[in-house]
Amino acid sequence: MTDKQTDDKPRVGDGTPGPGRPKGSVNKTTKAAKDVIAKAAEDLGGADRLLTWCKEAPENERAFWSSIYPKLLPFTVAGDADNPLTFQRIEREIVRTKD
């Protein structure tokens, strides 16, 4: 009786890609949802309607700049290896005043 603990098939954790979609590819459901939302946005007036909505009230413009536009910005913040990001903690002293 021989003990064959390994075989020629790729195994999880051996560094070879497993089944499923390739790394970085978009999930079909996510892509379909984005396509439907984009179509609805165009049917509702697209960029021209969004601009009109933003100008209707200050709250709408605030919502655009604080919630909608930031979704277009890069998600990752990376520093330069030669000039790394540094942080400085500022301590505040609480001083009690006489009433």
C-alpha atoms as a PDB file:
ATOM      1  CA  MET A   1       0.000   0.000   0.000  1.00  0.00           C
ATOM      2  CA  THR A   2       1.459   3.377  -0.996  1.00  0.00           C
ATOM      3  CA  ASP A   3       0.712   6.689   0.604  1.00  0.00           C
ATOM      4  CA  LYS A   4       0.210   9.302  -2.121  1.00  0.00           C
ATOM      5  CA  GLN A   5      -0.255  12.585  -0.304  1.00  0.00           C
ATOM      6  CA  THR A   6       0.359  14.846  -3.294  1.00  0.00           C
ATOM      7  CA  ASP A   7      -0.889  14.711  -6.817  1.00  0.00           C
ATOM      8  CA  ASP A   8      -0.329  16.746  -9.974  1.00  0.00           C
ATOM      9  CA  LYS A   9      -3.423  18.910  -9.499  1.00  0.00           C
ATOM     10  CA  PRO A  10      -2.989  22.482  -8.238  1.00  0.00           C
ATOM     11  CA  ARG A  11      -3.932  22.900  -4.606  1.00  0.00           C
ATOM     12  CA  VAL A  12      -5.103  25.865  -2.588  1.00  0.00           C
ATOM     13  CA  GLY A  13      -2.126  27.761  -1.229  1.00  0.00           C
ATOM     14  CA  ASP A  14       0.475  26.497  -3.699  1.00  0.00           C
ATOM     15  CA  GLY A  15       0.647  29.842  -5.524  1.00  0.00           C
ATOM     16  CA  THR A  16      -1.270  28.822  -8.631  1.00  0.00           C
ATOM     17  CA  PRO A  17      -4.482  30.641  -9.544  1.00  0.00           C
ATOM     18  CA  GLY A  18      -7.638  28.872  -8.518  1.00  0.00           C
ATOM     19  CA  PRO A  19     -11.002  28.672 -10.189  1.00  0.00           C
ATOM     20  CA  GLY A  20     -13.186  31.733 -10.560  1.00  0.00           C
ATOM     21  CA  ARG A  21     -12.867  35.001 -12.349  1.00  0.00           C
ATOM     22  CA  PRO A  22      -9.404  36.455 -12.982  1.00  0.00           C
ATOM     23  CA  LYS A  23      -7.987  38.883 -10.440  1.00  0.00           C
ATOM     24  CA  GLY A  24      -9.164  42.426 -11.131  1.00  0.00           C
ATOM     25  CA  SER A  25     -12.091  41.473 -13.353  1.00  0.00           C
ATOM     26  CA  VAL A  26     -15.513  42.915 -12.600  1.00  0.00           C
ATOM     27  CA  ASN A  27     -18.224  40.744 -11.097  1.00  0.00           C
ATOM     28  CA  LYS A  28     -21.019  40.204 -13.683  1.00  0.00           C
ATOM     29  CA  THR A  29     -23.728  41.218 -11.215  1.00  0.00           C
ATOM     30  CA  THR A  30     -21.870  44.410 -10.261  1.00  0.00           C
ATOM     31  CA  LYS A  31     -21.347  45.315 -13.921  1.00  0.00           C
ATOM     32  CA  ALA A  32     -25.007  44.663 -14.746  1.00  0.00           C
ATOM     33  CA  ALA A  33     -26.145  46.839 -11.818  1.00  0.00           C
ATOM     34  CA  LYS A  34     -23.817  49.678 -12.855  1.00  0.00           C
ATOM     35  CA  ASP A  35     -25.092  49.455 -16.446  1.00  0.00           C
ATOM     36  CA  VAL A  36     -28.728  49.678 -15.305  1.00  0.00           C
ATOM     37  CA  ILE A  37     -27.982  52.661 -13.043  1.00  0.00           C
ATOM     38  CA  ALA A  38     -26.094  54.435 -15.859  1.00  0.00           C
ATOM     39  CA  LYS A  39     -29.024  53.856 -18.250  1.00  0.00           C
ATOM     40  CA  ALA A  40     -31.500  55.222 -15.688  1.00  0.00           C
ATOM     41  CA  ALA A  41     -29.299  58.287 -15.113  1.00  0.00           C
ATOM     42  CA  GLU A  42     -29.200  58.997 -18.857  1.00  0.00           C
ATOM     43  CA  ASP A  43     -32.976  58.562 -19.157  1.00  0.00           C
ATOM     44  CA  LEU A  44     -33.459  61.002 -16.264  1.00  0.00           C
ATOM     45  CA  GLY A  45     -31.498  63.690 -18.094  1.00  0.00           C
ATOM     46  CA  GLY A  46     -27.867  62.733 -17.587  1.00  0.00           C
ATOM     47  CA  ALA A  47     -25.284  65.419 -16.892  1.00  0.00           C
ATOM     48  CA  ASP A  48     -27.580  68.308 -17.834  1.00  0.00           C
ATOM     49  CA  ARG A  49     -30.220  67.216 -15.311  1.00  0.00           C
ATOM     50  CA  LEU A  50     -27.593  66.662 -12.616  1.00  0.00           C
ATOM     51  CA  LEU A  51     -26.272  70.185 -13.169  1.00  0.00           C
ATOM     52  CA  THR A  52     -29.793  71.636 -12.986  1.00  0.00           C
ATOM     53  CA  TRP A  53     -30.451  69.703  -9.765  1.00  0.00           C
ATOM     54  CA  CYS A  54     -27.196  70.959  -8.222  1.00  0.00           C
ATOM     55  CA  LYS A  55     -28.151  74.558  -8.967  1.00  0.00           C
ATOM     56  CA  GLU A  56     -31.701  74.210  -7.561  1.00  0.00           C
ATOM     57  CA  ALA A  57     -30.626  74.448  -3.910  1.00  0.00           C
ATOM     58  CA  PRO A  58     -27.456  74.859  -1.857  1.00  0.00           C
ATOM     59  CA  GLU A  59     -28.157  71.509  -0.147  1.00  0.00           C
ATOM     60  CA  ASN A  60     -28.080  69.776  -3.539  1.00  0.00           C
ATOM     61  CA  GLU A  61     -24.728  71.302  -4.444  1.00  0.00           C
ATOM     62  CA  ARG A  62     -23.384  70.329  -1.011  1.00  0.00           C
ATOM     63  CA  ALA A  63     -24.610  66.747  -1.586  1.00  0.00           C
ATOM     64  CA  PHE A  64     -22.883  66.698  -4.979  1.00  0.00           C
ATOM     65  CA  TRP A  65     -19.517  67.826  -3.613  1.00  0.00           C
ATOM     66  CA  SER A  66     -19.641  65.748  -0.430  1.00  0.00           C
ATOM     67  CA  SER A  67     -21.266  62.497  -1.613  1.00  0.00           C
ATOM     68  CA  ILE A  68     -21.267  62.182  -5.393  1.00  0.00           C
ATOM     69  CA  TYR A  69     -18.015  63.735  -6.621  1.00  0.00           C
ATOM     70  CA  PRO A  70     -15.712  61.998  -4.086  1.00  0.00           C
ATOM     71  CA  LYS A  71     -16.694  58.636  -5.630  1.00  0.00           C
ATOM     72  CA  LEU A  72     -14.609  59.654  -8.668  1.00  0.00           C
ATOM     73  CA  LEU A  73     -11.469  60.283  -6.628  1.00  0.00           C
ATOM     74  CA  PRO A  74      -8.818  57.581  -6.215  1.00  0.00           C
ATOM     75  CA  PHE A  75      -9.436  55.365  -3.208  1.00  0.00           C
ATOM     76  CA  THR A  76      -5.823  54.663  -2.266  1.00  0.00           C
ATOM     77  CA  VAL A  77      -3.531  57.259  -0.758  1.00  0.00           C
ATOM     78  CA  ALA A  78       0.105  56.365  -1.244  1.00  0.00           C
ATOM     79  CA  GLY A  79       3.202  58.217  -0.193  1.00  0.00           C
ATOM     80  CA  ASP A  80       6.435  58.624  -2.098  1.00  0.00           C
ATOM     81  CA  ALA A  81       9.152  56.219  -0.922  1.00  0.00           C
ATOM     82  CA  ASP A  82      11.722  59.046  -0.945  1.00  0.00           C
ATOM     83  CA  ASN A  83       9.353  61.468   0.781  1.00  0.00           C
ATOM     84  CA  PRO A  84       7.105  59.413   3.116  1.00  0.00           C
ATOM     85  CA  LEU A  85       3.965  60.768   4.705  1.00  0.00           C
ATOM     86  CA  THR A  86       4.483  61.852   8.289  1.00  0.00           C
ATOM     87  CA  PHE A  87       1.971  62.527  11.014  1.00  0.00           C
ATOM     88  CA  GLN A  88       2.289  64.727  14.041  1.00  0.00           C
ATOM     89  CA  ARG A  89       0.050  64.371  17.068  1.00  0.00           C
ATOM     90  CA  ILE A  90      -0.956  67.643  18.643  1.00  0.00           C
ATOM     91  CA  GLU A  91      -1.832  67.484  22.326  1.00  0.00           C
ATOM     92  CA  ARG A  92      -4.266  70.040  23.634  1.00  0.00           C
ATOM     93  CA  GLU A  93      -4.264  71.110  27.227  1.00  0.00           C
ATOM     94  CA  ILE A  94      -7.601  71.727  28.879  1.00  0.00           C
ATOM     95  CA  VAL A  95      -7.496  74.751  31.136  1.00  0.00           C
ATOM     96  CA  ARG A  96     -10.311  75.352  33.577  1.00  0.00           C
ATOM     97  CA  THR A  97     -11.299  78.970  33.955  1.00  0.00           C
ATOM     98  CA  LYS A  98     -12.827  80.521  37.059  1.00  0.00           C
ATOM     99  CA  ASP A  99     -16.546  81.252  36.826  1.00  0.00           C
END
